[in-house]
Structures are given as C-alpha cells and as structure tokens.
PDB file of N, CA and C in Angstrom:
ATOM      1  N   MET A   1       1.676   1.837  -6.075  1.00  0.00           N
ATOM      2  CA  MET A   1       3.298   1.948  -5.607  1.00  0.00           C
ATOM      3  C   MET A   1       3.954   0.920  -7.034  1.00  0.00           C
ATOM      4  N   ALA A   2       5.241   1.239  -7.021  1.00  0.00           N
ATOM      5  CA  ALA A   2       5.406   0.642  -8.082  1.00  0.00           C
ATOM      6  C   ALA A   2       6.698  -0.260  -7.794  1.00  0.00           C
ATOM      7  N   SER A   3       7.121  -1.650  -8.204  1.00  0.00           N
ATOM      8  CA  SER A   3       8.495  -1.624  -8.478  1.00  0.00           C
ATOM      9  C   SER A   3       9.042  -2.464  -9.271  1.00  0.00           C
ATOM     10  N   VAL A   4      10.111  -3.195  -9.792  1.00  0.00           N
ATOM     11  CA  VAL A   4      10.616  -3.700 -10.870  1.00  0.00           C
ATOM     12  C   VAL A   4      10.420  -5.043 -10.913  1.00  0.00           C
ATOM     13  N   CYS A   5       9.518  -5.511  -9.739  1.00  0.00           N
ATOM     14  CA  CYS A   5       9.662  -6.918  -9.185  1.00  0.00           C
ATOM     15  C   CYS A   5       8.644  -7.265 -10.655  1.00  0.00           C
ATOM     16  N   THR A   6       8.675  -8.870 -10.853  1.00  0.00           N
ATOM     17  CA  THR A   6       7.486  -9.242 -11.172  1.00  0.00           C
ATOM     18  C   THR A   6       6.936 -11.337 -11.230  1.00  0.00           C
ATOM     19  N   TYR A   7       6.037 -11.323 -11.427  1.00  0.00           N
ATOM     20  CA  TYR A   7       5.668 -12.794 -11.142  1.00  0.00           C
ATOM     21  C   TYR A   7       6.584 -13.982 -12.004  1.00  0.00           C
ATOM     22  N   GLY A   8       7.083 -13.449 -12.782  1.00  0.00           N
ATOM     23  CA  GLY A   8       7.571 -14.606 -13.841  1.00  0.00           C
ATOM     24  C   GLY A   8       9.314 -14.654 -13.535  1.00  0.00           C
ATOM     25  N   LYS A   9       9.587 -13.546 -12.935  1.00  0.00           N
ATOM     26  CA  LYS A   9      11.147 -13.313 -12.075  1.00  0.00           C
ATOM     27  C   LYS A   9      10.802 -14.020 -10.584  1.00  0.00           C
ATOM     28  N   ARG A  10       9.809 -14.095 -10.051  1.00  0.00           N
ATOM     29  CA  ARG A  10       9.577 -14.587  -8.778  1.00  0.00           C
ATOM     30  C   ARG A  10       9.954 -14.105  -7.624  1.00  0.00           C
ATOM     31  N   ASN A  11       9.950 -12.464  -8.203  1.00  0.00           N
ATOM     32  CA  ASN A  11      10.422 -11.928  -7.074  1.00  0.00           C
ATOM     33  C   ASN A  11       9.563 -10.852  -6.243  1.00  0.00           C
ATOM     34  N   ILE A  12       8.546 -11.375  -6.486  1.00  0.00           N
ATOM     35  CA  ILE A  12       6.855 -10.761  -6.040  1.00  0.00           C
ATOM     36  C   ILE A  12       5.922 -11.838  -6.000  1.00  0.00           C
ATOM     37  N   PHE A  13       5.129 -11.398  -4.759  1.00  0.00           N
ATOM     38  CA  PHE A  13       4.038 -12.707  -4.930  1.00  0.00           C
ATOM     39  C   PHE A  13       2.980 -12.222  -3.923  1.00  0.00           C
ATOM     40  N   LEU A  14       1.605 -12.733  -4.211  1.00  0.00           N
ATOM     41  CA  LEU A  14       0.504 -12.159  -3.542  1.00  0.00           C
ATOM     42  C   LEU A  14      -0.331 -13.358  -2.737  1.00  0.00           C
ATOM     43  N   GLU A  15      -0.701 -13.123  -1.318  1.00  0.00           N
ATOM     44  CA  GLU A  15      -1.000 -14.012  -0.797  1.00  0.00           C
ATOM     45  C   GLU A  15      -2.200 -13.299  -0.039  1.00  0.00           C
ATOM     46  N   GLU A  16      -3.261 -14.421   0.218  1.00  0.00           N
ATOM     47  CA  GLU A  16      -4.265 -13.949   0.537  1.00  0.00           C
ATOM     48  C   GLU A  16      -4.269 -13.518   1.982  1.00  0.00           C
ATOM     49  N   GLY A  17      -4.755 -12.636   2.647  1.00  0.00           N
ATOM     50  CA  GLY A  17      -4.856 -12.014   3.714  1.00  0.00           C
ATOM     51  C   GLY A  17      -5.779 -11.134   3.972  1.00  0.00           C
ATOM     52  N   LYS A  18      -5.837 -10.277   5.280  1.00  0.00           N
ATOM     53  CA  LYS A  18      -6.355  -9.232   5.886  1.00  0.00           C
ATOM     54  C   LYS A  18      -5.703  -7.709   5.732  1.00  0.00           C
ATOM     55  N   GLY A  19      -6.537  -7.539   4.993  1.00  0.00           N
ATOM     56  CA  GLY A  19      -5.786  -5.627   5.160  1.00  0.00           C
ATOM     57  C   GLY A  19      -4.755  -5.656   3.517  1.00  0.00           C
ATOM     58  N   LEU A  20      -4.307  -4.857   3.514  1.00  0.00           N
ATOM     59  CA  LEU A  20      -3.667  -4.329   2.300  1.00  0.00           C
ATOM     60  C   LEU A  20      -1.969  -4.438   3.490  1.00  0.00           C
ATOM     61  N   HIS A  21      -1.319  -5.068   2.968  1.00  0.00           N
ATOM     62  CA  HIS A  21       0.578  -5.530   3.223  1.00  0.00           C
ATOM     63  C   HIS A  21       1.068  -5.684   2.352  1.00  0.00           C
ATOM     64  N   VAL A  22       2.358  -4.586   2.363  1.00  0.00           N
ATOM     65  CA  VAL A  22       3.797  -5.117   1.460  1.00  0.00           C
ATOM     66  C   VAL A  22       5.146  -4.790   1.997  1.00  0.00           C
ATOM     67  N   THR A  23       5.544  -5.598   1.618  1.00  0.00           N
ATOM     68  CA  THR A  23       6.781  -6.041   2.279  1.00  0.00           C
ATOM     69  C   THR A  23       7.987  -6.257   1.113  1.00  0.00           C
ATOM     70  N   PHE A  24       9.056  -5.153   1.322  1.00  0.00           N
ATOM     71  CA  PHE A  24      10.104  -4.998   0.839  1.00  0.00           C
ATOM     72  C   PHE A  24      11.405  -6.112   1.629  1.00  0.00           C
ATOM     73  N   LYS A  25      12.114  -6.932   0.751  1.00  0.00           N
ATOM     74  CA  LYS A  25      13.469  -6.907   1.247  1.00  0.00           C
ATOM     75  C   LYS A  25      14.763  -7.071   0.422  1.00  0.00           C
ATOM     76  N   LYS A  26      15.772  -6.378   1.136  1.00  0.00           N
ATOM     77  CA  LYS A  26      17.449  -6.326   0.185  1.00  0.00           C
ATOM     78  C   LYS A  26      18.348  -7.022   1.361  1.00  0.00           C
ATOM     79  N   GLU A  27      18.565  -7.500   0.980  1.00  0.00           N
ATOM     80  CA  GLU A  27      19.899  -8.579   2.170  1.00  0.00           C
ATOM     81  C   GLU A  27      19.500  -8.683   3.238  1.00  0.00           C
ATOM     82  N   ASP A  28      19.497  -8.250   4.655  1.00  0.00           N
ATOM     83  CA  ASP A  28      19.131  -8.314   5.378  1.00  0.00           C
ATOM     84  C   ASP A  28      18.227  -7.189   6.260  1.00  0.00           C
ATOM     85  N   LYS A  29      18.030  -6.207   5.022  1.00  0.00           N
ATOM     86  CA  LYS A  29      16.933  -5.058   5.288  1.00  0.00           C
ATOM     87  C   LYS A  29      14.989  -5.281   4.776  1.00  0.00           C
ATOM     88  N   VAL A  30      14.273  -4.708   5.973  1.00  0.00           N
ATOM     89  CA  VAL A  30      12.942  -5.075   5.999  1.00  0.00           C
ATOM     90  C   VAL A  30      12.339  -4.550   5.671  1.00  0.00           C
ATOM     91  N   LEU A  31      11.549  -3.563   4.653  1.00  0.00           N
ATOM     92  CA  LEU A  31      10.223  -2.418   4.686  1.00  0.00           C
ATOM     93  C   LEU A  31       9.260  -3.525   5.079  1.00  0.00           C
ATOM     94  N   SER A  32       8.355  -3.097   5.564  1.00  0.00           N
ATOM     95  CA  SER A  32       7.094  -2.887   5.680  1.00  0.00           C
ATOM     96  C   SER A  32       6.012  -1.959   5.727  1.00  0.00           C
ATOM     97  N   LEU A  33       5.023  -2.190   4.967  1.00  0.00           N
ATOM     98  CA  LEU A  33       4.436  -1.045   4.702  1.00  0.00           C
ATOM     99  C   LEU A  33       2.703  -1.519   4.697  1.00  0.00           C
ATOM    100  N   VAL A  34       2.105  -1.230   5.924  1.00  0.00           N
ATOM    101  CA  VAL A  34       0.466  -1.392   6.357  1.00  0.00           C
ATOM    102  C   VAL A  34      -0.404  -0.517   6.236  1.00  0.00           C
ATOM    103  N   LEU A  35      -1.704  -0.405   5.191  1.00  0.00           N
ATOM    104  CA  LEU A  35      -2.234   0.554   4.732  1.00  0.00           C
ATOM    105  C   LEU A  35      -3.426   0.578   6.285  1.00  0.00           C
ATOM    106  N   LYS A  36      -3.549   1.706   7.067  1.00  0.00           N
ATOM    107  CA  LYS A  36      -3.960   1.726   8.142  1.00  0.00           C
ATOM    108  C   LYS A  36      -5.851   1.354   8.110  1.00  0.00           C
ATOM    109  N   LYS A  37      -6.216   0.783   8.608  1.00  0.00           N
ATOM    110  CA  LYS A  37      -7.512   0.620   8.711  1.00  0.00           C
ATOM    111  C   LYS A  37      -8.205   1.685   8.663  1.00  0.00           C
ATOM    112  N   GLU A  38      -8.429   3.260   8.807  1.00  0.00           N
ATOM    113  CA  GLU A  38      -9.081   3.935   8.461  1.00  0.00           C
ATOM    114  C   GLU A  38      -8.724   4.899   6.776  1.00  0.00           C
ATOM    115  N   VAL A  39      -7.861   4.276   6.470  1.00  0.00           N
ATOM    116  CA  VAL A  39      -7.969   4.677   4.965  1.00  0.00           C
ATOM    117  C   VAL A  39      -8.575   3.251   4.228  1.00  0.00           C
ATOM    118  N   ILE A  40      -8.764   2.300   4.334  1.00  0.00           N
ATOM    119  CA  ILE A  40      -9.715   1.090   4.313  1.00  0.00           C
ATOM    120  C   ILE A  40     -10.600   1.740   3.650  1.00  0.00           C
ATOM    121  N   GLU A  41     -10.898   1.595   5.433  1.00  0.00           N
ATOM    122  CA  GLU A  41     -12.817   2.052   5.254  1.00  0.00           C
ATOM    123  C   GLU A  41     -12.762   3.810   5.074  1.00  0.00           C
ATOM    124  N   GLU A  42     -12.000   4.344   4.138  1.00  0.00           N
ATOM    125  CA  GLU A  42     -12.444   5.922   3.929  1.00  0.00           C
ATOM    126  C   GLU A  42     -12.523   5.164   2.384  1.00  0.00           C
ATOM    127  N   MET A  43     -11.770   4.332   1.862  1.00  0.00           N
ATOM    128  CA  MET A  43     -11.859   3.672   0.750  1.00  0.00           C
ATOM    129  C   MET A  43     -12.917   3.127   0.225  1.00  0.00           C
ATOM    130  N   ASN A  44     -13.750   2.087   0.991  1.00  0.00           N
ATOM    131  CA  ASN A  44     -14.703   1.615   1.189  1.00  0.00           C
ATOM    132  C   ASN A  44     -15.946   2.341   0.984  1.00  0.00           C
ATOM    133  N   SER A  45     -15.834   3.526   1.650  1.00  0.00           N
ATOM    134  CA  SER A  45     -17.008   4.109   1.859  1.00  0.00           C
ATOM    135  C   SER A  45     -17.217   5.218   0.495  1.00  0.00           C
ATOM    136  N   LEU A  46     -16.171   4.932  -0.602  1.00  0.00           N
ATOM    137  CA  LEU A  46     -16.404   6.064  -1.577  1.00  0.00           C
ATOM    138  C   LEU A  46     -17.485   5.116  -2.465  1.00  0.00           C
ATOM    139  N   PRO A  47     -17.841   6.404  -3.337  1.00  0.00           N
ATOM    140  CA  PRO A  47     -18.922   5.405  -4.066  1.00  0.00           C
ATOM    141  C   PRO A  47     -18.078   5.164  -5.745  1.00  0.00           C
ATOM    142  N   ASP A  48     -18.842   4.460  -6.590  1.00  0.00           N
ATOM    143  CA  ASP A  48     -18.249   3.572  -7.507  1.00  0.00           C
ATOM    144  C   ASP A  48     -18.258   4.422  -8.498  1.00  0.00           C
ATOM    145  N   VAL A  49     -17.630   5.780  -8.692  1.00  0.00           N
ATOM    146  CA  VAL A  49     -17.394   6.475  -9.599  1.00  0.00           C
ATOM    147  C   VAL A  49     -16.220   6.979  -9.491  1.00  0.00           C
ATOM    148  N   GLU A  50     -15.784   7.389 -10.936  1.00  0.00           N
ATOM    149  CA  GLU A  50     -14.081   7.380 -11.263  1.00  0.00           C
ATOM    150  C   GLU A  50     -13.787   8.597 -10.626  1.00  0.00           C
ATOM    151  N   GLU A  51     -14.288   9.982 -10.614  1.00  0.00           N
ATOM    152  CA  GLU A  51     -14.036  11.366 -10.257  1.00  0.00           C
ATOM    153  C   GLU A  51     -13.969  11.030  -8.412  1.00  0.00           C
ATOM    154  N   ALA A  52     -14.555  10.322  -8.231  1.00  0.00           N
ATOM    155  CA  ALA A  52     -14.319  10.172  -6.611  1.00  0.00           C
ATOM    156  C   ALA A  52     -12.950   9.623  -6.192  1.00  0.00           C
ATOM    157  N   TRP A  53     -12.842   8.493  -6.872  1.00  0.00           N
ATOM    158  CA  TRP A  53     -11.375   7.574  -6.940  1.00  0.00           C
ATOM    159  C   TRP A  53     -10.079   8.458  -6.814  1.00  0.00           C
ATOM    160  N   GLU A  54     -10.411   9.077  -8.485  1.00  0.00           N
ATOM    161  CA  GLU A  54      -9.264  10.269  -8.900  1.00  0.00           C
ATOM    162  C   GLU A  54      -8.936  11.064  -7.766  1.00  0.00           C
ATOM    163  N   ALA A  55      -9.862  11.866  -7.119  1.00  0.00           N
ATOM    164  CA  ALA A  55      -9.654  12.987  -5.579  1.00  0.00           C
ATOM    165  C   ALA A  55      -9.621  12.319  -4.892  1.00  0.00           C
ATOM    166  N   LEU A  56      -9.393  11.174  -4.605  1.00  0.00           N
ATOM    167  CA  LEU A  56      -9.205  10.267  -3.495  1.00  0.00           C
ATOM    168  C   LEU A  56      -7.897   9.835  -3.602  1.00  0.00           C
ATOM    169  N   ALA A  57      -6.863   9.670  -4.975  1.00  0.00           N
ATOM    170  CA  ALA A  57      -6.014   9.450  -5.563  1.00  0.00           C
ATOM    171  C   ALA A  57      -5.073  10.417  -4.784  1.00  0.00           C
ATOM    172  N   LYS A  58      -5.861  11.977  -5.526  1.00  0.00           N
ATOM    173  CA  LYS A  58      -4.839  13.384  -5.552  1.00  0.00           C
ATOM    174  C   LYS A  58      -5.174  13.814  -4.201  1.00  0.00           C
ATOM    175  N   ASP A  59      -5.529  13.355  -2.797  1.00  0.00           N
ATOM    176  CA  ASP A  59      -5.489  13.630  -1.446  1.00  0.00           C
ATOM    177  C   ASP A  59      -4.345  12.694  -0.952  1.00  0.00           C
ATOM    178  N   PHE A  60      -3.904  11.592  -1.541  1.00  0.00           N
ATOM    179  CA  PHE A  60      -3.578  10.701  -0.694  1.00  0.00           C
ATOM    180  C   PHE A  60      -2.092  11.260  -1.107  1.00  0.00           C
ATOM    181  N   TYR A  61      -2.134  10.869  -2.381  1.00  0.00           N
ATOM    182  CA  TYR A  61      -0.471  11.717  -3.092  1.00  0.00           C
ATOM    183  C   TYR A  61       0.229  13.226  -1.979  1.00  0.00           C
ATOM    184  N   LYS A  62      -0.912  13.988  -1.535  1.00  0.00           N
ATOM    185  CA  LYS A  62      -0.553  14.979  -0.436  1.00  0.00           C
ATOM    186  C   LYS A  62      -0.489  15.285   1.147  1.00  0.00           C
ATOM    187  N   ARG A  63      -0.897  14.130   1.199  1.00  0.00           N
ATOM    188  CA  ARG A  63      -0.491  12.825   2.194  1.00  0.00           C
ATOM    189  C   ARG A  63       0.773  12.782   3.196  1.00  0.00           C
ATOM    190  N   ASP A  64       0.943  12.930   4.223  1.00  0.00           N
ATOM    191  CA  ASP A  64       2.099  12.097   4.447  1.00  0.00           C
ATOM    192  C   ASP A  64       2.356  10.478   4.556  1.00  0.00           C
ATOM    193  N   ILE A  65       3.175  10.255   4.240  1.00  0.00           N
ATOM    194  CA  ILE A  65       3.018   8.463   4.604  1.00  0.00           C
ATOM    195  C   ILE A  65       2.611   8.016   5.366  1.00  0.00           C
ATOM    196  N   LYS A  66       2.745   8.425   6.789  1.00  0.00           N
ATOM    197  CA  LYS A  66       2.630   8.270   7.549  1.00  0.00           C
ATOM    198  C   LYS A  66       1.259   8.046   7.950  1.00  0.00           C
ATOM    199  N   LYS A  67       0.569   9.007   7.555  1.00  0.00           N
ATOM    200  CA  LYS A  67      -0.973   8.956   7.714  1.00  0.00           C
ATOM    201  C   LYS A  67      -1.907   7.749   6.894  1.00  0.00           C
ATOM    202  N   ILE A  68      -0.715   7.265   6.139  1.00  0.00           N
ATOM    203  CA  ILE A  68      -1.404   6.379   4.916  1.00  0.00           C
ATOM    204  C   ILE A  68      -1.095   5.087   5.867  1.00  0.00           C
ATOM    205  N   PHE A  69       0.352   4.751   5.751  1.00  0.00           N
ATOM    206  CA  PHE A  69       0.942   3.273   6.288  1.00  0.00           C
ATOM    207  C   PHE A  69       1.125   3.549   7.603  1.00  0.00           C
ATOM    208  N   GLN A  70       1.255   2.496   8.201  1.00  0.00           N
ATOM    209  CA  GLN A  70       1.709   1.497   9.334  1.00  0.00           C
ATOM    210  C   GLN A  70       3.595   1.584   9.058  1.00  0.00           C
ATOM    211  N   ILE A  71       4.312   2.269   9.169  1.00  0.00           N
ATOM    212  CA  ILE A  71       5.972   1.930   8.523  1.00  0.00           C
ATOM    213  C   ILE A  71       6.464   1.395   9.767  1.00  0.00           C
ATOM    214  N   THR A  72       7.141  -0.383   9.364  1.00  0.00           N
ATOM    215  CA  THR A  72       8.180  -0.637   9.822  1.00  0.00           C
ATOM    216  C   THR A  72       9.162  -0.883   9.425  1.00  0.00           C
ATOM    217  N   ILE A  73      10.751  -0.373   9.761  1.00  0.00           N
ATOM    218  CA  ILE A  73      11.792  -0.655   9.030  1.00  0.00           C
ATOM    219  C   ILE A  73      12.553  -1.560   9.902  1.00  0.00           C
ATOM    220  N   GLN A  74      12.955  -2.413   9.515  1.00  0.00           N
ATOM    221  CA  GLN A  74      14.127  -3.845  10.294  1.00  0.00           C
ATOM    222  C   GLN A  74      15.323  -3.500   9.499  1.00  0.00           C
ATOM    223  N   LYS A  75      16.196  -3.712  10.634  1.00  0.00           N
ATOM    224  CA  LYS A  75      17.432  -3.318  10.077  1.00  0.00           C
ATOM    225  C   LYS A  75      18.445  -5.121  10.298  1.00  0.00           C
TER     226      LYS A  75
END
C-alpha cells in the first residue's frame, strides 16, 4: 500500500496496537482497512523464505480486497 504521506509532513503516524489497521481521512470522509485475522495467520505460517513471501504477495494481488481487509467507509 502506498500514499504520498510522510512522517516529516506529519500527515502519517504509527501507533502500537493489535493487528494491522490503516485509516485514510479526507475532509469528513474516513476509509478504514483492517487486515483480517486469517490473513495474519496465513502470513505467520509462512517460512522465512523470499520465494514463499513473493508467491503470497502475487496471490494477494489476485484476491478480492474484501477477502484481505475488513473495510469500513464513513461519510
């Protein structure tokens, strides 16, 4: 995932917490993506081998985003 946000401009920050969660805000709109527990478990089960991670990354690219993230949109 990529954005034009940087720590230097202070428009992105990191918080310690459980799981992986990203929130994008623009004016009064909020988009939240939470990595699903089963995806985290799948990642944790991978061996520490570059080829395994590359194969998983390619698989993620093909998956429907709703199978990877819990998506919440607030307007």
